[in-house]
Amino acid sequence: MVADSYVLWKITDPLKFAQSLSSSLSNAESRIDTVVYNALKTLIGSQAQNDIINSRSGALSSDIMSIVTRPMQEYGITILAVEIKRLDLPNDNKTAVFNRMISERAQIAAGYVAEGEEESQKIQNITNREIQISISQAKAQAETLVAEGEAQYMKILSEAYSTAERKDFYEFIRSLDAVKISLTGDNKTVILPLDSPLTRILLGE
């Protein structure tokens, strides 16, 4: 990684500063540079690449501050701020790193797609099974209703033919229904043979 940073600091204990660094600003700057560089190198070396990229918004500066503040107090110096102006990849390997990141994300995306397709197939299988069960239950219910209807129909027929009077009346109604159906168009004339049940009923035989 290529890092460009700056440090704001001040002397808060002149006696310690004079005793440890001989009151030399160049010695102080050299010491601060070393401490900040080591802290930055340690943090970058201990983090994953994605974490480093995400920490450019301020987390990295905060972590460096927590490392360098106490050591510099021994020299009578207080670190006010450590700011990272630039943190990037070297140009030589930037393309390779970006390509690897793209490949890794493509693999992750492919994994998500595969998981989605598998889950979709599971849901489709469950839905199809539920549909088949519903159809089977509907068919069974329909067959039951048909059987009940036929049983009821046979019961009605049985009651209709239970006595001679009921039988004659039922046949009369059926004959009238048949005549009604045959009356179509403008011609309302019905010609019945003498041996027709309706003729016998109408003649009172």
N, C-alpha and C. Protein backbone atom coordinates (compact mmCIF):
# COMPACT_ATOMS: atom_id res chain seq x y z
N MET A 1 0.83 -1.19 0.00
CA MET A 1 0.00 0.00 0.00
C MET A 1 0.87 1.25 0.00
N VAL A 2 0.41 2.27 -0.68
CA VAL A 2 1.09 3.57 -0.69
C VAL A 2 0.28 4.50 0.21
N ALA A 3 0.94 5.00 1.28
CA ALA A 3 0.25 5.83 2.27
C ALA A 3 0.90 7.20 2.33
N ASP A 4 0.07 8.23 2.39
CA ASP A 4 0.55 9.60 2.55
C ASP A 4 -0.24 10.21 3.70
N SER A 5 0.48 10.61 4.76
CA SER A 5 -0.20 11.09 5.96
C SER A 5 0.49 12.33 6.52
N TYR A 6 -0.19 12.99 7.44
CA TYR A 6 0.44 14.09 8.17
C TYR A 6 -0.01 14.04 9.62
N VAL A 7 0.81 14.62 10.52
CA VAL A 7 0.57 14.57 11.95
C VAL A 7 0.56 15.99 12.52
N LEU A 8 -0.42 16.28 13.36
CA LEU A 8 -0.45 17.53 14.12
C LEU A 8 -0.04 17.22 15.55
N TRP A 9 0.95 17.95 16.05
CA TRP A 9 1.44 17.67 17.39
C TRP A 9 1.90 18.95 18.07
N LYS A 10 2.06 18.86 19.38
CA LYS A 10 2.59 20.01 20.12
C LYS A 10 3.38 19.52 21.33
N ILE A 11 4.27 20.39 21.80
CA ILE A 11 5.08 20.08 22.98
C ILE A 11 4.27 20.49 24.22
N THR A 12 3.97 19.54 25.05
CA THR A 12 3.18 19.80 26.26
C THR A 12 4.01 19.69 27.54
N ASP A 13 5.18 19.07 27.45
CA ASP A 13 6.07 18.98 28.61
C ASP A 13 7.48 19.34 28.13
N PRO A 14 7.84 20.62 28.20
CA PRO A 14 9.15 21.06 27.68
C PRO A 14 10.33 20.35 28.34
N LEU A 15 10.20 20.01 29.63
CA LEU A 15 11.32 19.36 30.32
C LEU A 15 11.60 17.98 29.74
N LYS A 16 10.56 17.19 29.59
CA LYS A 16 10.73 15.86 28.99
C LYS A 16 11.24 15.98 27.56
N PHE A 17 10.72 16.97 26.85
CA PHE A 17 11.14 17.16 25.46
C PHE A 17 12.64 17.47 25.39
N ALA A 18 13.12 18.34 26.30
CA ALA A 18 14.54 18.71 26.31
C ALA A 18 15.41 17.55 26.72
N GLN A 19 14.95 16.78 27.71
CA GLN A 19 15.76 15.67 28.22
C GLN A 19 15.83 14.50 27.24
N SER A 20 14.74 14.22 26.54
CA SER A 20 14.70 13.04 25.67
C SER A 20 15.13 13.32 24.24
N LEU A 21 14.85 14.51 23.77
CA LEU A 21 15.12 14.81 22.36
C LEU A 21 16.05 16.01 22.18
N SER A 22 16.66 16.44 23.26
CA SER A 22 17.64 17.55 23.22
C SER A 22 17.03 18.82 22.62
N SER A 23 15.73 18.99 22.86
CA SER A 23 15.01 20.18 22.36
C SER A 23 15.14 20.36 20.86
N SER A 24 15.32 19.26 20.13
CA SER A 24 15.51 19.33 18.68
C SER A 24 14.21 18.99 17.97
N LEU A 25 13.74 19.92 17.15
CA LEU A 25 12.52 19.66 16.39
C LEU A 25 12.74 18.56 15.36
N SER A 26 13.91 18.52 14.77
CA SER A 26 14.18 17.47 13.79
C SER A 26 14.19 16.10 14.44
N ASN A 27 14.73 16.02 15.69
CA ASN A 27 14.68 14.74 16.41
C ASN A 27 13.23 14.36 16.72
N ALA A 28 12.43 15.36 17.09
CA ALA A 28 11.01 15.09 17.40
C ALA A 28 10.28 14.61 16.16
N GLU A 29 10.51 15.28 15.04
CA GLU A 29 9.83 14.89 13.80
C GLU A 29 10.27 13.50 13.35
N SER A 30 11.55 13.20 13.53
CA SER A 30 12.05 11.87 13.17
C SER A 30 11.41 10.79 14.04
N ARG A 31 11.28 11.09 15.36
CA ARG A 31 10.67 10.12 16.27
C ARG A 31 9.19 9.93 15.94
N ILE A 32 8.49 11.03 15.70
CA ILE A 32 7.07 10.93 15.35
C ILE A 32 6.88 10.16 14.05
N ASP A 33 7.75 10.45 13.07
CA ASP A 33 7.66 9.76 11.78
C ASP A 33 7.84 8.27 11.95
N THR A 34 8.79 7.87 12.79
CA THR A 34 9.05 6.44 13.01
C THR A 34 7.88 5.76 13.69
N VAL A 35 7.35 6.41 14.74
CA VAL A 35 6.26 5.80 15.50
C VAL A 35 5.00 5.67 14.64
N VAL A 36 4.68 6.74 13.90
CA VAL A 36 3.48 6.71 13.05
C VAL A 36 3.65 5.70 11.92
N TYR A 37 4.84 5.65 11.33
CA TYR A 37 5.09 4.70 10.25
C TYR A 37 4.93 3.26 10.74
N ASN A 38 5.50 2.96 11.90
CA ASN A 38 5.40 1.59 12.43
C ASN A 38 3.95 1.24 12.76
N ALA A 39 3.22 2.20 13.32
CA ALA A 39 1.81 1.94 13.64
C ALA A 39 1.01 1.69 12.37
N LEU A 40 1.24 2.53 11.35
CA LEU A 40 0.52 2.37 10.09
C LEU A 40 0.86 1.04 9.43
N LYS A 41 2.12 0.68 9.45
CA LYS A 41 2.54 -0.59 8.84
C LYS A 41 1.92 -1.78 9.58
N THR A 42 1.88 -1.68 10.92
CA THR A 42 1.31 -2.78 11.71
C THR A 42 -0.18 -2.95 11.43
N LEU A 43 -0.89 -1.82 11.38
CA LEU A 43 -2.33 -1.89 11.14
C LEU A 43 -2.65 -2.42 9.76
N ILE A 44 -1.93 -1.91 8.74
CA ILE A 44 -2.19 -2.37 7.37
C ILE A 44 -1.83 -3.84 7.22
N GLY A 45 -0.75 -4.28 7.87
CA GLY A 45 -0.33 -5.67 7.76
C GLY A 45 -1.24 -6.65 8.48
N SER A 46 -2.04 -6.14 9.44
CA SER A 46 -2.89 -7.04 10.23
C SER A 46 -4.34 -7.07 9.73
N GLN A 47 -4.66 -6.30 8.69
CA GLN A 47 -6.03 -6.23 8.20
C GLN A 47 -6.15 -6.79 6.79
N ALA A 48 -7.35 -7.24 6.51
CA ALA A 48 -7.64 -7.69 5.15
C ALA A 48 -7.74 -6.47 4.23
N GLN A 49 -7.56 -6.73 2.94
CA GLN A 49 -7.56 -5.62 1.98
C GLN A 49 -8.87 -4.84 1.99
N ASN A 50 -9.99 -5.54 2.06
CA ASN A 50 -11.28 -4.86 2.07
C ASN A 50 -11.44 -4.00 3.31
N ASP A 51 -10.93 -4.49 4.47
CA ASP A 51 -11.02 -3.71 5.70
C ASP A 51 -10.19 -2.44 5.60
N ILE A 52 -9.04 -2.54 4.96
CA ILE A 52 -8.18 -1.36 4.80
C ILE A 52 -8.88 -0.31 3.93
N ILE A 53 -9.48 -0.78 2.84
CA ILE A 53 -10.17 0.14 1.94
C ILE A 53 -11.35 0.81 2.65
N ASN A 54 -12.07 0.03 3.42
CA ASN A 54 -13.24 0.58 4.13
C ASN A 54 -12.84 1.52 5.25
N SER A 55 -11.61 1.38 5.80
CA SER A 55 -11.18 2.20 6.93
C SER A 55 -10.62 3.55 6.51
N ARG A 56 -10.59 3.83 5.19
CA ARG A 56 -10.03 5.09 4.73
C ARG A 56 -10.88 6.29 5.12
N SER A 57 -12.11 6.04 5.53
CA SER A 57 -12.99 7.15 5.89
C SER A 57 -12.66 7.76 7.25
N GLY A 58 -11.75 7.17 8.03
CA GLY A 58 -11.40 7.74 9.33
C GLY A 58 -11.05 6.73 10.38
N ALA A 59 -11.49 5.49 10.21
CA ALA A 59 -11.21 4.47 11.22
C ALA A 59 -9.72 4.21 11.35
N LEU A 60 -8.98 4.23 10.25
CA LEU A 60 -7.55 3.96 10.28
C LEU A 60 -6.82 5.06 11.06
N SER A 61 -7.18 6.31 10.84
CA SER A 61 -6.56 7.41 11.57
C SER A 61 -6.80 7.29 13.06
N SER A 62 -8.02 6.91 13.43
CA SER A 62 -8.36 6.74 14.84
C SER A 62 -7.54 5.62 15.47
N ASP A 63 -7.36 4.53 14.73
CA ASP A 63 -6.55 3.41 15.25
C ASP A 63 -5.09 3.81 15.44
N ILE A 64 -4.56 4.59 14.51
CA ILE A 64 -3.17 5.05 14.63
C ILE A 64 -3.02 5.95 15.85
N MET A 65 -3.97 6.84 16.05
CA MET A 65 -3.93 7.73 17.22
C MET A 65 -3.87 6.94 18.51
N SER A 66 -4.65 5.87 18.61
CA SER A 66 -4.67 5.08 19.83
C SER A 66 -3.34 4.38 20.10
N ILE A 67 -2.56 4.16 19.03
CA ILE A 67 -1.27 3.48 19.19
C ILE A 67 -0.15 4.46 19.53
N VAL A 68 -0.13 5.63 18.89
CA VAL A 68 1.03 6.52 19.00
C VAL A 68 0.90 7.53 20.13
N THR A 69 -0.28 7.73 20.69
CA THR A 69 -0.46 8.77 21.70
C THR A 69 0.40 8.54 22.94
N ARG A 70 0.32 7.37 23.53
CA ARG A 70 1.05 7.11 24.77
C ARG A 70 2.58 7.14 24.60
N PRO A 71 3.14 6.47 23.56
CA PRO A 71 4.61 6.53 23.41
C PRO A 71 5.15 7.95 23.27
N MET A 72 4.45 8.82 22.56
CA MET A 72 4.96 10.17 22.34
C MET A 72 4.86 11.04 23.58
N GLN A 73 3.97 10.67 24.51
CA GLN A 73 3.89 11.43 25.76
C GLN A 73 5.17 11.29 26.58
N GLU A 74 5.90 10.20 26.38
CA GLU A 74 7.17 10.01 27.08
C GLU A 74 8.22 11.03 26.64
N TYR A 75 7.99 11.65 25.48
CA TYR A 75 8.92 12.67 24.99
C TYR A 75 8.38 14.09 25.22
N GLY A 76 7.31 14.19 26.00
CA GLY A 76 6.72 15.50 26.26
C GLY A 76 5.91 16.02 25.08
N ILE A 77 5.48 15.14 24.20
CA ILE A 77 4.74 15.52 22.98
C ILE A 77 3.33 14.94 23.03
N THR A 78 2.36 15.75 22.67
CA THR A 78 0.97 15.30 22.55
C THR A 78 0.58 15.29 21.07
N ILE A 79 0.09 14.16 20.61
CA ILE A 79 -0.37 14.03 19.22
C ILE A 79 -1.80 14.53 19.15
N LEU A 80 -2.01 15.54 18.35
CA LEU A 80 -3.35 16.13 18.22
C LEU A 80 -4.19 15.43 17.16
N ALA A 81 -3.58 15.02 16.08
CA ALA A 81 -4.32 14.36 15.00
C ALA A 81 -3.36 13.64 14.08
N VAL A 82 -3.82 12.55 13.53
CA VAL A 82 -3.10 11.82 12.48
C VAL A 82 -4.09 11.63 11.33
N GLU A 83 -3.81 12.19 10.19
CA GLU A 83 -4.73 12.12 9.07
C GLU A 83 -4.06 11.44 7.87
N ILE A 84 -4.82 10.57 7.22
CA ILE A 84 -4.35 9.86 6.03
C ILE A 84 -4.85 10.62 4.80
N LYS A 85 -3.96 11.23 4.07
CA LYS A 85 -4.34 11.98 2.87
C LYS A 85 -4.57 11.06 1.69
N ARG A 86 -3.79 9.98 1.62
CA ARG A 86 -3.88 9.06 0.47
C ARG A 86 -3.49 7.67 0.93
N LEU A 87 -4.29 6.71 0.52
CA LEU A 87 -4.01 5.31 0.81
C LEU A 87 -4.46 4.51 -0.40
N ASP A 88 -3.50 4.00 -1.14
CA ASP A 88 -3.84 3.37 -2.40
C ASP A 88 -2.87 2.24 -2.68
N LEU A 89 -3.17 1.50 -3.74
CA LEU A 89 -2.30 0.40 -4.19
C LEU A 89 -1.21 0.95 -5.10
N PRO A 90 -0.04 0.33 -5.11
CA PRO A 90 0.99 0.71 -6.08
C PRO A 90 0.49 0.49 -7.50
N ASN A 91 0.91 1.34 -8.40
CA ASN A 91 0.44 1.24 -9.79
C ASN A 91 0.81 -0.09 -10.43
N ASP A 92 1.93 -0.70 -10.02
CA ASP A 92 2.40 -1.94 -10.65
C ASP A 92 1.42 -3.10 -10.43
N ASN A 93 0.82 -3.16 -9.27
CA ASN A 93 -0.05 -4.31 -9.01
C ASN A 93 -1.52 -3.92 -8.81
N LYS A 94 -1.85 -2.66 -9.09
CA LYS A 94 -3.23 -2.20 -8.92
C LYS A 94 -4.19 -2.97 -9.82
N THR A 95 -3.81 -3.14 -11.10
CA THR A 95 -4.69 -3.83 -12.05
C THR A 95 -4.93 -5.27 -11.64
N ALA A 96 -3.83 -5.93 -11.21
CA ALA A 96 -3.96 -7.33 -10.80
C ALA A 96 -4.87 -7.47 -9.58
N VAL A 97 -4.74 -6.55 -8.64
CA VAL A 97 -5.57 -6.61 -7.44
C VAL A 97 -7.03 -6.35 -7.79
N PHE A 98 -7.28 -5.37 -8.64
CA PHE A 98 -8.65 -5.08 -9.05
C PHE A 98 -9.28 -6.27 -9.78
N ASN A 99 -8.50 -6.90 -10.65
CA ASN A 99 -9.01 -8.07 -11.38
C ASN A 99 -9.35 -9.20 -10.41
N ARG A 100 -8.49 -9.38 -9.40
CA ARG A 100 -8.76 -10.42 -8.42
C ARG A 100 -10.02 -10.11 -7.61
N MET A 101 -10.18 -8.85 -7.26
CA MET A 101 -11.38 -8.45 -6.53
C MET A 101 -12.64 -8.68 -7.37
N ILE A 102 -12.55 -8.35 -8.67
CA ILE A 102 -13.68 -8.57 -9.57
C ILE A 102 -14.00 -10.06 -9.66
N SER A 103 -12.95 -10.89 -9.76
CA SER A 103 -13.15 -12.33 -9.85
C SER A 103 -13.78 -12.89 -8.58
N GLU A 104 -13.31 -12.40 -7.42
CA GLU A 104 -13.86 -12.87 -6.16
C GLU A 104 -15.34 -12.51 -6.04
N ARG A 105 -15.69 -11.29 -6.44
CA ARG A 105 -17.07 -10.88 -6.35
C ARG A 105 -17.95 -11.60 -7.36
N ALA A 106 -17.36 -11.94 -8.51
CA ALA A 106 -18.11 -12.73 -9.49
C ALA A 106 -18.41 -14.12 -8.95
N GLN A 107 -17.44 -14.70 -8.23
CA GLN A 107 -17.66 -16.01 -7.63
C GLN A 107 -18.74 -15.93 -6.55
N ILE A 108 -18.69 -14.86 -5.75
CA ILE A 108 -19.71 -14.69 -4.72
C ILE A 108 -21.09 -14.54 -5.35
N ALA A 109 -21.15 -13.72 -6.41
CA ALA A 109 -22.43 -13.51 -7.11
C ALA A 109 -22.95 -14.82 -7.69
N ALA A 110 -22.04 -15.62 -8.28
CA ALA A 110 -22.45 -16.91 -8.84
C ALA A 110 -22.99 -17.83 -7.75
N GLY A 111 -22.36 -17.76 -6.58
CA GLY A 111 -22.84 -18.57 -5.46
C GLY A 111 -24.24 -18.16 -5.04
N TYR A 112 -24.49 -16.84 -4.99
CA TYR A 112 -25.82 -16.35 -4.63
C TYR A 112 -26.85 -16.80 -5.68
N VAL A 113 -26.46 -16.71 -6.95
CA VAL A 113 -27.38 -17.12 -8.02
C VAL A 113 -27.72 -18.60 -7.90
N ALA A 114 -26.69 -19.42 -7.64
CA ALA A 114 -26.91 -20.87 -7.50
C ALA A 114 -27.82 -21.16 -6.31
N GLU A 115 -27.58 -20.47 -5.19
CA GLU A 115 -28.44 -20.67 -4.02
C GLU A 115 -29.87 -20.25 -4.33
N GLY A 116 -30.01 -19.12 -5.06
CA GLY A 116 -31.34 -18.65 -5.40
C GLY A 116 -32.08 -19.64 -6.30
N GLU A 117 -31.37 -20.19 -7.29
CA GLU A 117 -31.99 -21.15 -8.19
C GLU A 117 -32.38 -22.43 -7.45
N GLU A 118 -31.51 -22.85 -6.53
CA GLU A 118 -31.83 -24.05 -5.75
C GLU A 118 -33.07 -23.83 -4.88
N GLU A 119 -33.12 -22.66 -4.24
CA GLU A 119 -34.27 -22.34 -3.40
C GLU A 119 -35.54 -22.21 -4.25
N SER A 120 -35.40 -21.62 -5.44
CA SER A 120 -36.53 -21.48 -6.34
C SER A 120 -37.07 -22.85 -6.75
N GLN A 121 -36.16 -23.79 -7.04
CA GLN A 121 -36.58 -25.14 -7.44
C GLN A 121 -37.29 -25.85 -6.29
N LYS A 122 -36.79 -25.64 -5.07
CA LYS A 122 -37.44 -26.25 -3.91
C LYS A 122 -38.86 -25.72 -3.76
N ILE A 123 -39.01 -24.40 -3.88
CA ILE A 123 -40.34 -23.79 -3.74
C ILE A 123 -41.27 -24.28 -4.84
N GLN A 124 -40.73 -24.38 -6.08
CA GLN A 124 -41.54 -24.85 -7.20
C GLN A 124 -41.98 -26.30 -6.98
N ASN A 125 -41.08 -27.15 -6.48
CA ASN A 125 -41.42 -28.55 -6.22
C ASN A 125 -42.51 -28.65 -5.15
N ILE A 126 -42.35 -27.85 -4.09
CA ILE A 126 -43.36 -27.87 -3.02
C ILE A 126 -44.71 -27.40 -3.55
N THR A 127 -44.68 -26.32 -4.36
CA THR A 127 -45.92 -25.79 -4.91
C THR A 127 -46.61 -26.80 -5.82
N ASN A 128 -45.82 -27.45 -6.69
CA ASN A 128 -46.38 -28.47 -7.59
C ASN A 128 -47.00 -29.62 -6.80
N ARG A 129 -46.30 -30.02 -5.73
CA ARG A 129 -46.83 -31.12 -4.91
C ARG A 129 -48.14 -30.72 -4.24
N GLU A 130 -48.19 -29.49 -3.75
CA GLU A 130 -49.41 -29.01 -3.10
C GLU A 130 -50.55 -28.91 -4.11
N ILE A 131 -50.23 -28.48 -5.35
CA ILE A 131 -51.26 -28.39 -6.38
C ILE A 131 -51.81 -29.78 -6.70
N GLN A 132 -50.92 -30.76 -6.85
CA GLN A 132 -51.37 -32.13 -7.15
C GLN A 132 -52.24 -32.68 -6.03
N ILE A 133 -51.86 -32.38 -4.78
CA ILE A 133 -52.65 -32.85 -3.65
C ILE A 133 -54.03 -32.20 -3.67
N SER A 134 -54.07 -30.88 -3.97
CA SER A 134 -55.34 -30.16 -4.02
C SER A 134 -56.23 -30.71 -5.13
N ILE A 135 -55.63 -31.00 -6.30
CA ILE A 135 -56.40 -31.55 -7.41
C ILE A 135 -56.95 -32.92 -7.06
N SER A 136 -56.12 -33.74 -6.45
CA SER A 136 -56.57 -35.09 -6.06
C SER A 136 -57.71 -35.00 -5.05
N GLN A 137 -57.57 -34.10 -4.08
CA GLN A 137 -58.64 -33.95 -3.09
C GLN A 137 -59.92 -33.43 -3.74
N ALA A 138 -59.78 -32.49 -4.70
CA ALA A 138 -60.96 -31.95 -5.38
C ALA A 138 -61.66 -33.04 -6.20
N LYS A 139 -60.86 -33.87 -6.89
CA LYS A 139 -61.45 -34.96 -7.67
C LYS A 139 -62.17 -35.95 -6.77
N ALA A 140 -61.54 -36.27 -5.63
CA ALA A 140 -62.17 -37.21 -4.71
C ALA A 140 -63.47 -36.64 -4.15
N GLN A 141 -63.46 -35.34 -3.84
CA GLN A 141 -64.67 -34.70 -3.35
C GLN A 141 -65.75 -34.67 -4.43
N ALA A 142 -65.34 -34.40 -5.68
CA ALA A 142 -66.30 -34.38 -6.78
C ALA A 142 -66.92 -35.75 -6.98
N GLU A 143 -66.11 -36.80 -6.92
CA GLU A 143 -66.64 -38.15 -7.09
C GLU A 143 -67.62 -38.49 -5.97
N THR A 144 -67.28 -38.01 -4.76
CA THR A 144 -68.18 -38.25 -3.63
C THR A 144 -69.52 -37.55 -3.84
N LEU A 145 -69.45 -36.29 -4.31
CA LEU A 145 -70.68 -35.54 -4.56
C LEU A 145 -71.51 -36.18 -5.66
N VAL A 146 -70.83 -36.65 -6.73
CA VAL A 146 -71.54 -37.32 -7.82
C VAL A 146 -72.23 -38.58 -7.31
N ALA A 147 -71.52 -39.33 -6.49
CA ALA A 147 -72.10 -40.57 -5.94
C ALA A 147 -73.30 -40.25 -5.06
N GLU A 148 -73.16 -39.19 -4.24
CA GLU A 148 -74.27 -38.80 -3.38
C GLU A 148 -75.46 -38.33 -4.22
N GLY A 149 -75.16 -37.58 -5.32
CA GLY A 149 -76.24 -37.12 -6.19
C GLY A 149 -76.95 -38.29 -6.86
N GLU A 150 -76.18 -39.26 -7.33
CA GLU A 150 -76.80 -40.42 -7.97
C GLU A 150 -77.63 -41.21 -6.97
N ALA A 151 -77.11 -41.31 -5.74
CA ALA A 151 -77.87 -42.02 -4.71
C ALA A 151 -79.18 -41.30 -4.41
N GLN A 152 -79.10 -39.96 -4.33
CA GLN A 152 -80.30 -39.18 -4.08
C GLN A 152 -81.29 -39.31 -5.25
N TYR A 153 -80.74 -39.33 -6.48
CA TYR A 153 -81.59 -39.48 -7.67
C TYR A 153 -82.31 -40.83 -7.65
N MET A 154 -81.56 -41.89 -7.32
CA MET A 154 -82.18 -43.21 -7.26
C MET A 154 -83.21 -43.28 -6.15
N LYS A 155 -82.95 -42.56 -5.05
CA LYS A 155 -83.92 -42.55 -3.96
C LYS A 155 -85.20 -41.87 -4.40
N ILE A 156 -85.06 -40.74 -5.14
CA ILE A 156 -86.24 -40.03 -5.64
C ILE A 156 -87.03 -40.91 -6.61
N LEU A 157 -86.30 -41.58 -7.51
CA LEU A 157 -86.98 -42.49 -8.45
C LEU A 157 -87.70 -43.60 -7.71
N SER A 158 -87.03 -44.11 -6.69
CA SER A 158 -87.65 -45.20 -5.93
C SER A 158 -88.92 -44.73 -5.25
N GLU A 159 -88.88 -43.51 -4.68
CA GLU A 159 -90.08 -42.97 -4.04
C GLU A 159 -91.17 -42.68 -5.07
N ALA A 160 -90.71 -42.20 -6.30
CA ALA A 160 -91.69 -41.89 -7.34
C ALA A 160 -92.44 -43.13 -7.80
N TYR A 161 -91.80 -44.29 -7.78
CA TYR A 161 -92.42 -45.53 -8.25
C TYR A 161 -92.88 -46.40 -7.08
N SER A 162 -92.97 -45.83 -5.89
CA SER A 162 -93.28 -46.67 -4.72
C SER A 162 -94.74 -47.15 -4.72
N THR A 163 -95.65 -46.35 -5.37
CA THR A 163 -97.06 -46.76 -5.47
C THR A 163 -97.51 -46.58 -6.91
N ALA A 164 -98.64 -47.20 -7.24
CA ALA A 164 -99.17 -47.12 -8.62
C ALA A 164 -99.56 -45.68 -8.95
N GLU A 165 -100.19 -45.00 -7.98
CA GLU A 165 -100.59 -43.63 -8.22
C GLU A 165 -99.38 -42.73 -8.50
N ARG A 166 -98.36 -42.88 -7.67
CA ARG A 166 -97.14 -42.07 -7.87
C ARG A 166 -96.46 -42.39 -9.20
N LYS A 167 -96.48 -43.67 -9.55
CA LYS A 167 -95.88 -44.08 -10.82
C LYS A 167 -96.60 -43.44 -11.98
N ASP A 168 -97.92 -43.46 -11.95
CA ASP A 168 -98.69 -42.87 -13.05
C ASP A 168 -98.46 -41.36 -13.13
N PHE A 169 -98.46 -40.72 -11.93
CA PHE A 169 -98.27 -39.26 -11.92
C PHE A 169 -96.89 -38.89 -12.44
N TYR A 170 -95.88 -39.66 -12.03
CA TYR A 170 -94.51 -39.36 -12.46
C TYR A 170 -94.39 -39.54 -13.97
N GLU A 171 -94.99 -40.61 -14.51
CA GLU A 171 -94.94 -40.85 -15.96
C GLU A 171 -95.70 -39.75 -16.69
N PHE A 172 -96.81 -39.26 -16.11
CA PHE A 172 -97.57 -38.18 -16.71
C PHE A 172 -96.72 -36.90 -16.81
N ILE A 173 -96.06 -36.57 -15.70
CA ILE A 173 -95.20 -35.38 -15.69
C ILE A 173 -94.08 -35.54 -16.71
N ARG A 174 -93.47 -36.70 -16.76
CA ARG A 174 -92.39 -36.94 -17.72
C ARG A 174 -92.90 -36.79 -19.15
N SER A 175 -94.11 -37.28 -19.42
CA SER A 175 -94.68 -37.18 -20.77
C SER A 175 -94.97 -35.74 -21.14
N LEU A 176 -95.50 -34.97 -20.17
CA LEU A 176 -95.74 -33.55 -20.43
C LEU A 176 -94.43 -32.81 -20.73
N ASP A 177 -93.38 -33.15 -19.98
CA ASP A 177 -92.07 -32.51 -20.22
C ASP A 177 -91.57 -32.84 -21.62
N ALA A 178 -91.78 -34.10 -22.05
CA ALA A 178 -91.34 -34.50 -23.38
C ALA A 178 -92.10 -33.74 -24.45
N VAL A 179 -93.43 -33.56 -24.24
CA VAL A 179 -94.23 -32.82 -25.21
C VAL A 179 -93.79 -31.36 -25.26
N LYS A 180 -93.56 -30.78 -24.09
CA LYS A 180 -93.12 -29.38 -24.03
C LYS A 180 -91.83 -29.18 -24.81
N ILE A 181 -90.89 -30.08 -24.67
CA ILE A 181 -89.62 -29.98 -25.37
C ILE A 181 -89.82 -30.07 -26.88
N SER A 182 -90.80 -30.91 -27.32
CA SER A 182 -91.01 -31.13 -28.75
C SER A 182 -91.72 -29.95 -29.42
N LEU A 183 -92.34 -29.08 -28.62
CA LEU A 183 -93.05 -27.93 -29.19
C LEU A 183 -92.09 -26.81 -29.48
N THR A 184 -91.60 -26.76 -30.71
CA THR A 184 -90.67 -25.72 -31.11
C THR A 184 -91.21 -25.00 -32.33
N GLY A 185 -90.84 -23.73 -32.47
CA GLY A 185 -91.29 -22.95 -33.62
C GLY A 185 -92.75 -22.54 -33.48
N ASP A 186 -93.38 -22.24 -34.60
CA ASP A 186 -94.76 -21.77 -34.59
C ASP A 186 -95.78 -22.90 -34.58
N ASN A 187 -95.35 -24.08 -34.96
CA ASN A 187 -96.27 -25.22 -35.02
C ASN A 187 -96.43 -25.80 -33.62
N LYS A 188 -97.64 -25.65 -33.03
CA LYS A 188 -97.90 -26.14 -31.67
C LYS A 188 -98.80 -27.37 -31.66
N THR A 189 -98.89 -28.03 -32.82
CA THR A 189 -99.75 -29.21 -32.94
C THR A 189 -98.97 -30.45 -32.56
N VAL A 190 -99.57 -31.29 -31.71
CA VAL A 190 -98.95 -32.54 -31.29
C VAL A 190 -99.83 -33.70 -31.75
N ILE A 191 -99.23 -34.61 -32.45
CA ILE A 191 -99.94 -35.81 -32.92
C ILE A 191 -99.42 -36.99 -32.13
N LEU A 192 -100.30 -37.66 -31.38
CA LEU A 192 -99.91 -38.77 -30.51
C LEU A 192 -100.60 -40.05 -31.00
N PRO A 193 -99.86 -41.15 -30.97
CA PRO A 193 -100.50 -42.42 -31.32
C PRO A 193 -101.43 -42.88 -30.19
N LEU A 194 -102.38 -43.77 -30.53
CA LEU A 194 -103.34 -44.23 -29.52
C LEU A 194 -102.69 -45.02 -28.41
N ASP A 195 -101.55 -45.68 -28.71
CA ASP A 195 -100.92 -46.50 -27.67
C ASP A 195 -99.92 -45.70 -26.85
N SER A 196 -99.86 -44.35 -27.04
CA SER A 196 -98.95 -43.53 -26.26
C SER A 196 -99.44 -43.43 -24.82
N PRO A 197 -98.55 -43.50 -23.82
CA PRO A 197 -98.99 -43.35 -22.41
C PRO A 197 -99.70 -42.04 -22.17
N LEU A 198 -99.27 -40.97 -22.82
CA LEU A 198 -99.91 -39.67 -22.62
C LEU A 198 -101.32 -39.68 -23.21
N THR A 199 -101.48 -40.36 -24.40
CA THR A 199 -102.81 -40.46 -25.00
C THR A 199 -103.75 -41.19 -24.08
N ARG A 200 -103.27 -42.29 -23.49
CA ARG A 200 -104.14 -43.05 -22.59
C ARG A 200 -104.51 -42.24 -21.37
N ILE A 201 -103.55 -41.45 -20.90
CA ILE A 201 -103.85 -40.62 -19.72
C ILE A 201 -104.89 -39.56 -20.08
N LEU A 202 -104.68 -38.90 -21.25
CA LEU A 202 -105.61 -37.86 -21.66
C LEU A 202 -107.01 -38.41 -21.94
N LEU A 203 -107.09 -39.66 -22.40
CA LEU A 203 -108.37 -40.29 -22.70
C LEU A 203 -108.99 -40.91 -21.46
N GLY A 204 -108.20 -40.88 -20.37
CA GLY A 204 -108.73 -41.41 -19.12
C GLY A 204 -108.68 -42.91 -19.06
N GLU A 205 -107.89 -43.53 -19.85
CA GLU A 205 -107.82 -45.00 -19.85
C GLU A 205 -106.88 -45.47 -18.73
